[in-house]
């Protein structure tokens, strides 16, 4: 975003109509103003000694390389990856400080480790959100037709209903039917007469 020097309105913002996106691998945007701002935010959030220029540059370079390897495809992924980098660095720093506490400072050690666990859970959540944004979190359900000992799953369901259905007689032709075969036409003359519920013949 650039402001023309002769712009009468100092609050006006002019967007670059033809962004180059030279740093898109860092922030996921074609606008390098955003990519560089995001990079500066990540660098400032790292738990390092920022007064040591050499250590600062080495840490930021390493984080930038990791961001490039993850390769954000859009600004949303750039945000998630940037926060992921900061949360991961915070978790590791808290773990390091926690175990560096003397044994007699048990409460301080416990507090640092609790903060480290929270940051680690944030890393996990951000990773899951990144995968979900990229489409990896979609559930896929696969239905397979399994045949075991020449008895299909459909026949097993029918047999189960016959066995537990109170002893009702079913034609063997129904049991022989499967999803791949056509249901046979049953001869109505051979079917047993229906018995009415609650109706009985008087006995002498």
C-alpha atoms as a PDB file:
ATOM      1  CA  UNK A   1       0.000   0.000   0.000  1.00  0.00           C
ATOM      2  CA  UNK A   2       1.441   3.300  -1.054  1.00  0.00           C
ATOM      3  CA  UNK A   3       0.320   6.888  -0.659  1.00  0.00           C
ATOM      4  CA  UNK A   4       1.051   9.314  -3.486  1.00  0.00           C
ATOM      5  CA  UNK A   5       3.110  12.282  -2.357  1.00  0.00           C
ATOM      6  CA  UNK A   6       0.752  14.760  -4.043  1.00  0.00           C
ATOM      7  CA  UNK A   7      -2.386  13.166  -2.587  1.00  0.00           C
ATOM      8  CA  UNK A   8      -4.495  15.936  -0.982  1.00  0.00           C
ATOM      9  CA  UNK A   9      -5.956  13.434   1.450  1.00  0.00           C
ATOM     10  CA  UNK A  10      -3.175  12.105   3.724  1.00  0.00           C
ATOM     11  CA  UNK A  11      -5.487   9.355   5.002  1.00  0.00           C
ATOM     12  CA  UNK A  12      -6.107   7.901   1.546  1.00  0.00           C
ATOM     13  CA  UNK A  13      -4.772   4.426   0.865  1.00  0.00           C
ATOM     14  CA  UNK A  14      -3.831   3.291  -2.617  1.00  0.00           C
ATOM     15  CA  UNK A  15      -3.464  -0.405  -3.342  1.00  0.00           C
ATOM     16  CA  UNK A  16      -0.977  -1.721  -5.846  1.00  0.00           C
ATOM     17  CA  UNK A  17      -3.051  -2.906  -8.842  1.00  0.00           C
ATOM     18  CA  UNK A  18      -0.275  -5.214 -10.040  1.00  0.00           C
ATOM     19  CA  UNK A  19       1.332  -6.887  -7.019  1.00  0.00           C
ATOM     20  CA  UNK A  20       4.324  -9.051  -7.759  1.00  0.00           C
ATOM     21  CA  UNK A  21       4.107 -11.437  -4.829  1.00  0.00           C
ATOM     22  CA  UNK A  22       7.849 -12.001  -4.578  1.00  0.00           C
ATOM     23  CA  UNK A  23       7.420 -13.129  -0.959  1.00  0.00           C
ATOM     24  CA  UNK A  24       4.209 -15.110  -1.456  1.00  0.00           C
ATOM     25  CA  UNK A  25       5.879 -18.242  -0.083  1.00  0.00           C
ATOM     26  CA  UNK A  26       6.071 -16.481   3.271  1.00  0.00           C
ATOM     27  CA  UNK A  27       2.609 -14.943   3.621  1.00  0.00           C
ATOM     28  CA  UNK A  28       0.494 -16.520   0.901  1.00  0.00           C
ATOM     29  CA  UNK A  29      -0.478 -13.182  -0.636  1.00  0.00           C
ATOM     30  CA  UNK A  30       0.394 -11.477  -3.890  1.00  0.00           C
ATOM     31  CA  UNK A  31       0.800  -8.246  -1.914  1.00  0.00           C
ATOM     32  CA  UNK A  32       4.326  -8.145  -0.550  1.00  0.00           C
ATOM     33  CA  UNK A  33       3.317  -5.425   1.897  1.00  0.00           C
ATOM     34  CA  UNK A  34       1.223  -8.046   3.671  1.00  0.00           C
ATOM     35  CA  UNK A  35       3.842 -10.770   3.367  1.00  0.00           C
ATOM     36  CA  UNK A  36       6.582  -8.605   4.853  1.00  0.00           C
ATOM     37  CA  UNK A  37       4.312  -7.303   7.618  1.00  0.00           C
ATOM     38  CA  UNK A  38       3.412 -10.854   8.563  1.00  0.00           C
ATOM     39  CA  UNK A  39       7.087 -11.809   8.541  1.00  0.00           C
ATOM     40  CA  UNK A  40       7.988  -8.876  10.775  1.00  0.00           C
ATOM     41  CA  UNK A  41       5.204  -9.868  13.161  1.00  0.00           C
ATOM     42  CA  UNK A  42       6.508 -13.414  13.406  1.00  0.00           C
ATOM     43  CA  UNK A  43      10.069 -12.209  13.936  1.00  0.00           C
ATOM     44  CA  UNK A  44       8.992  -9.862  16.711  1.00  0.00           C
ATOM     45  CA  UNK A  45       7.027 -12.639  18.440  1.00  0.00           C
ATOM     46  CA  UNK A  46       9.965 -15.032  18.684  1.00  0.00           C
ATOM     47  CA  UNK A  47      11.222 -15.538  22.278  1.00  0.00           C
ATOM     48  CA  UNK A  48      14.805 -14.570  21.497  1.00  0.00           C
ATOM     49  CA  UNK A  49      17.243 -11.868  22.473  1.00  0.00           C
ATOM     50  CA  UNK A  50      16.335  -9.207  19.936  1.00  0.00           C
ATOM     51  CA  UNK A  51      19.255  -7.031  20.983  1.00  0.00           C
ATOM     52  CA  UNK A  52      21.629  -9.660  19.602  1.00  0.00           C
ATOM     53  CA  UNK A  53      21.468  -8.988  15.869  1.00  0.00           C
ATOM     54  CA  UNK A  54      23.237 -12.204  14.892  1.00  0.00           C
ATOM     55  CA  UNK A  55      21.033 -14.459  16.998  1.00  0.00           C
ATOM     56  CA  UNK A  56      17.931 -12.589  15.845  1.00  0.00           C
ATOM     57  CA  UNK A  57      18.777 -12.942  12.160  1.00  0.00           C
ATOM     58  CA  UNK A  58      19.600 -16.631  12.538  1.00  0.00           C
ATOM     59  CA  UNK A  59      16.301 -17.339  14.300  1.00  0.00           C
ATOM     60  CA  UNK A  60      14.192 -15.362  11.835  1.00  0.00           C
ATOM     61  CA  UNK A  61      15.970 -16.980   8.884  1.00  0.00           C
ATOM     62  CA  UNK A  62      15.260 -20.444  10.258  1.00  0.00           C
ATOM     63  CA  UNK A  63      11.583 -19.634  10.854  1.00  0.00           C
ATOM     64  CA  UNK A  64      11.273 -18.139   7.362  1.00  0.00           C
ATOM     65  CA  UNK A  65      12.691 -21.329   5.878  1.00  0.00           C
ATOM     66  CA  UNK A  66      10.103 -23.380   7.750  1.00  0.00           C
ATOM     67  CA  UNK A  67       7.311 -21.106   6.519  1.00  0.00           C
ATOM     68  CA  UNK A  68       8.543 -21.512   2.948  1.00  0.00           C
ATOM     69  CA  UNK A  69       8.572 -25.294   3.370  1.00  0.00           C
ATOM     70  CA  UNK A  70       4.954 -25.279   4.571  1.00  0.00           C
ATOM     71  CA  UNK A  71       4.157 -23.026   1.579  1.00  0.00           C
ATOM     72  CA  UNK A  72       1.020 -20.992   2.376  1.00  0.00           C
ATOM     73  CA  UNK A  73      -1.316 -20.937  -0.614  1.00  0.00           C
ATOM     74  CA  UNK A  74      -3.314 -17.877   0.489  1.00  0.00           C
ATOM     75  CA  UNK A  75      -3.303 -15.228   3.246  1.00  0.00           C
ATOM     76  CA  UNK A  76      -5.453 -17.408   5.522  1.00  0.00           C
ATOM     77  CA  UNK A  77      -2.821 -20.128   5.451  1.00  0.00           C
ATOM     78  CA  UNK A  78      -0.185 -17.444   5.928  1.00  0.00           C
ATOM     79  CA  UNK A  79      -1.882 -16.316   9.151  1.00  0.00           C
ATOM     80  CA  UNK A  80      -2.225 -19.861  10.465  1.00  0.00           C
ATOM     81  CA  UNK A  81       1.372 -20.697   9.662  1.00  0.00           C
ATOM     82  CA  UNK A  82       2.657 -17.481  11.240  1.00  0.00           C
ATOM     83  CA  UNK A  83       0.748 -18.167  14.458  1.00  0.00           C
ATOM     84  CA  UNK A  84       1.895 -21.777  14.312  1.00  0.00           C
ATOM     85  CA  UNK A  85       5.527 -20.668  14.219  1.00  0.00           C
ATOM     86  CA  UNK A  86       5.071 -18.265  17.138  1.00  0.00           C
ATOM     87  CA  UNK A  87       3.151 -20.801  19.250  1.00  0.00           C
ATOM     88  CA  UNK A  88       5.745 -23.505  18.614  1.00  0.00           C
ATOM     89  CA  UNK A  89       8.590 -21.196  19.640  1.00  0.00           C
ATOM     90  CA  UNK A  90       6.669 -20.150  22.758  1.00  0.00           C
ATOM     91  CA  UNK A  91       6.007 -23.771  23.745  1.00  0.00           C
ATOM     92  CA  UNK A  92       9.656 -24.738  23.385  1.00  0.00           C
ATOM     93  CA  UNK A  93      10.792 -21.651  25.314  1.00  0.00           C
ATOM     94  CA  UNK A  94       8.408 -22.401  28.194  1.00  0.00           C
ATOM     95  CA  UNK A  95       9.540 -26.020  28.334  1.00  0.00           C
ATOM     96  CA  UNK A  96      13.158 -24.891  28.422  1.00  0.00           C
ATOM     97  CA  UNK A  97      12.515 -22.360  31.209  1.00  0.00           C
ATOM     98  CA  UNK A  98      10.439 -24.848  33.158  1.00  0.00           C
ATOM     99  CA  UNK A  99      13.118 -27.520  33.310  1.00  0.00           C
ATOM    100  CA  UNK A 100      15.789 -24.908  33.971  1.00  0.00           C
ATOM    101  CA  UNK A 101      14.172 -24.039  37.321  1.00  0.00           C
ATOM    102  CA  UNK A 102      15.872 -25.496  40.403  1.00  0.00           C
ATOM    103  CA  UNK A 103      13.988 -28.369  42.053  1.00  0.00           C
ATOM    104  CA  UNK A 104      13.164 -26.224  45.078  1.00  0.00           C
ATOM    105  CA  UNK A 105      11.195 -23.834  42.830  1.00  0.00           C
ATOM    106  CA  UNK A 106       8.549 -26.437  42.133  1.00  0.00           C
ATOM    107  CA  UNK A 107       5.666 -23.997  41.657  1.00  0.00           C
ATOM    108  CA  UNK A 108       7.611 -21.917  39.137  1.00  0.00           C
ATOM    109  CA  UNK A 109       8.603 -25.045  37.225  1.00  0.00           C
ATOM    110  CA  UNK A 110       5.005 -26.270  37.205  1.00  0.00           C
ATOM    111  CA  UNK A 111       3.710 -22.912  35.949  1.00  0.00           C
ATOM    112  CA  UNK A 112       6.180 -22.821  33.081  1.00  0.00           C
ATOM    113  CA  UNK A 113       5.298 -26.379  32.076  1.00  0.00           C
ATOM    114  CA  UNK A 114       1.571 -25.589  32.190  1.00  0.00           C
ATOM    115  CA  UNK A 115       2.094 -22.608  29.885  1.00  0.00           C
ATOM    116  CA  UNK A 116       4.187 -24.800  27.596  1.00  0.00           C
ATOM    117  CA  UNK A 117       1.373 -27.359  27.422  1.00  0.00           C
ATOM    118  CA  UNK A 118      -1.143 -24.638  26.494  1.00  0.00           C
ATOM    119  CA  UNK A 119       1.122 -23.380  23.720  1.00  0.00           C
ATOM    120  CA  UNK A 120       1.638 -26.957  22.481  1.00  0.00           C
ATOM    121  CA  UNK A 121      -2.134 -27.483  22.325  1.00  0.00           C
ATOM    122  CA  UNK A 122      -2.392 -24.256  20.347  1.00  0.00           C
ATOM    123  CA  UNK A 123       0.143 -25.665  17.891  1.00  0.00           C
ATOM    124  CA  UNK A 124      -1.986 -28.781  17.513  1.00  0.00           C
ATOM    125  CA  UNK A 125      -5.178 -26.767  16.951  1.00  0.00           C
ATOM    126  CA  UNK A 126      -3.529 -24.514  14.370  1.00  0.00           C
ATOM    127  CA  UNK A 127      -2.128 -27.541  12.552  1.00  0.00           C
ATOM    128  CA  UNK A 128      -5.567 -29.141  12.412  1.00  0.00           C
ATOM    129  CA  UNK A 129      -7.135 -25.916  11.147  1.00  0.00           C
ATOM    130  CA  UNK A 130      -4.465 -25.639   8.468  1.00  0.00           C
ATOM    131  CA  UNK A 131      -5.115 -29.207   7.328  1.00  0.00           C
ATOM    132  CA  UNK A 132      -8.865 -28.577   7.361  1.00  0.00           C
ATOM    133  CA  UNK A 133      -8.427 -25.411   5.287  1.00  0.00           C
ATOM    134  CA  UNK A 134      -6.430 -27.361   2.747  1.00  0.00           C
ATOM    135  CA  UNK A 135      -9.158 -29.988   2.510  1.00  0.00           C
ATOM    136  CA  UNK A 136      -7.349 -32.749   4.374  1.00  0.00           C
ATOM    137  CA  UNK A 137      -9.828 -32.697   7.234  1.00  0.00           C
ATOM    138  CA  UNK A 138     -12.790 -33.812   5.154  1.00  0.00           C
ATOM    139  CA  UNK A 139     -14.262 -37.117   6.203  1.00  0.00           C
ATOM    140  CA  UNK A 140     -14.551 -39.850   3.617  1.00  0.00           C
ATOM    141  CA  UNK A 141     -16.857 -42.804   4.091  1.00  0.00           C
ATOM    142  CA  UNK A 142     -16.237 -45.903   1.974  1.00  0.00           C
ATOM    143  CA  UNK A 143     -18.866 -48.627   1.761  1.00  0.00           C
ATOM    144  CA  UNK A 144     -17.621 -52.039   0.673  1.00  0.00           C
ATOM    145  CA  UNK A 145     -19.639 -55.135  -0.190  1.00  0.00           C
ATOM    146  CA  UNK A 146     -17.958 -57.945   1.716  1.00  0.00           C
ATOM    147  CA  UNK A 147     -18.492 -61.606   0.845  1.00  0.00           C
ATOM    148  CA  UNK A 148     -17.518 -64.281   3.358  1.00  0.00           C
ATOM    149  CA  UNK A 149     -17.979 -68.008   2.720  1.00  0.00           C
ATOM    150  CA  UNK A 150     -20.313 -67.314  -0.196  1.00  0.00           C
ATOM    151  CA  UNK A 151     -22.697 -65.464   2.127  1.00  0.00           C
ATOM    152  CA  UNK A 152     -23.056 -61.791   1.385  1.00  0.00           C
ATOM    153  CA  UNK A 153     -23.656 -59.110   3.978  1.00  0.00           C
ATOM    154  CA  UNK A 154     -27.210 -58.658   2.677  1.00  0.00           C
ATOM    155  CA  UNK A 155     -27.970 -62.339   3.222  1.00  0.00           C
ATOM    156  CA  UNK A 156     -26.492 -62.183   6.708  1.00  0.00           C
ATOM    157  CA  UNK A 157     -28.850 -59.327   7.612  1.00  0.00           C
ATOM    158  CA  UNK A 158     -31.840 -61.266   6.285  1.00  0.00           C
ATOM    159  CA  UNK A 159     -30.780 -64.416   8.123  1.00  0.00           C
ATOM    160  CA  UNK A 160     -30.365 -62.461  11.344  1.00  0.00           C
ATOM    161  CA  UNK A 161     -33.853 -60.981  11.043  1.00  0.00           C
ATOM    162  CA  UNK A 162     -35.284 -64.433  10.376  1.00  0.00           C
ATOM    163  CA  UNK A 163     -33.485 -65.988  13.340  1.00  0.00           C
ATOM    164  CA  UNK A 164     -34.533 -63.300  15.813  1.00  0.00           C
ATOM    165  CA  UNK A 165     -37.934 -62.571  14.342  1.00  0.00           C
ATOM    166  CA  UNK A 166     -39.921 -64.992  16.438  1.00  0.00           C
ATOM    167  CA  UNK A 167     -39.692 -68.051  14.210  1.00  0.00           C
ATOM    168  CA  UNK A 168     -41.555 -66.610  11.230  1.00  0.00           C
ATOM    169  CA  UNK A 169     -41.173 -68.779   8.143  1.00  0.00           C
ATOM    170  CA  UNK A 170     -39.353 -67.173   5.199  1.00  0.00           C
ATOM    171  CA  UNK A 171     -38.892 -68.684   1.778  1.00  0.00           C
ATOM    172  CA  UNK A 172     -35.336 -69.891   1.065  1.00  0.00           C
ATOM    173  CA  UNK A 173     -35.499 -67.882  -2.159  1.00  0.00           C
ATOM    174  CA  UNK A 174     -35.266 -64.695  -0.111  1.00  0.00           C
ATOM    175  CA  UNK A 175     -32.130 -65.892   1.617  1.00  0.00           C
ATOM    176  CA  UNK A 176     -30.524 -66.756  -1.700  1.00  0.00           C
ATOM    177  CA  UNK A 177     -31.100 -63.240  -3.045  1.00  0.00           C
ATOM    178  CA  UNK A 178     -28.256 -60.736  -2.905  1.00  0.00           C
ATOM    179  CA  UNK A 179     -27.582 -57.210  -4.080  1.00  0.00           C
ATOM    180  CA  UNK A 180     -26.143 -58.547  -7.356  1.00  0.00           C
ATOM    181  CA  UNK A 181     -29.104 -60.835  -8.261  1.00  0.00           C
ATOM    182  CA  UNK A 182     -32.698 -60.148  -9.162  1.00  0.00           C
ATOM    183  CA  UNK A 183     -35.283 -60.822  -6.494  1.00  0.00           C
ATOM    184  CA  UNK A 184     -37.225 -63.951  -7.540  1.00  0.00           C
ATOM    185  CA  UNK A 185     -40.986 -63.896  -8.020  1.00  0.00           C
ATOM    186  CA  UNK A 186     -42.622 -65.966  -5.336  1.00  0.00           C
ATOM    187  CA  UNK A 187     -45.580 -68.186  -5.992  1.00  0.00           C
ATOM    188  CA  UNK A 188     -48.431 -66.843  -3.899  1.00  0.00           C
ATOM    189  CA  UNK A 189     -50.098 -70.281  -3.869  1.00  0.00           C
ATOM    190  CA  UNK A 190     -47.088 -71.713  -2.030  1.00  0.00           C
ATOM    191  CA  UNK A 191     -46.948 -69.013   0.649  1.00  0.00           C
ATOM    192  CA  UNK A 192     -48.466 -69.941   4.049  1.00  0.00           C
ATOM    193  CA  UNK A 193     -51.805 -68.462   4.949  1.00  0.00           C
ATOM    194  CA  UNK A 194     -51.446 -65.319   7.061  1.00  0.00           C
ATOM    195  CA  UNK A 195     -52.496 -65.662  10.656  1.00  0.00           C
ATOM    196  CA  UNK A 196     -54.338 -62.714  12.117  1.00  0.00           C
ATOM    197  CA  UNK A 197     -53.076 -61.247  15.331  1.00  0.00           C
ATOM    198  CA  UNK A 198     -55.531 -61.673  18.183  1.00  0.00           C
ATOM    199  CA  UNK A 199     -57.726 -64.033  16.123  1.00  0.00           C
ATOM    200  CA  UNK A 200     -58.043 -67.697  17.009  1.00  0.00           C
ATOM    201  CA  UNK A 201     -60.296 -70.604  16.255  1.00  0.00           C
ATOM    202  CA  UNK A 202     -62.641 -71.887  18.886  1.00  0.00           C
ATOM    203  CA  UNK A 203     -61.758 -75.322  20.139  1.00  0.00           C
ATOM    204  CA  UNK A 204     -64.334 -77.830  21.211  1.00  0.00           C
END
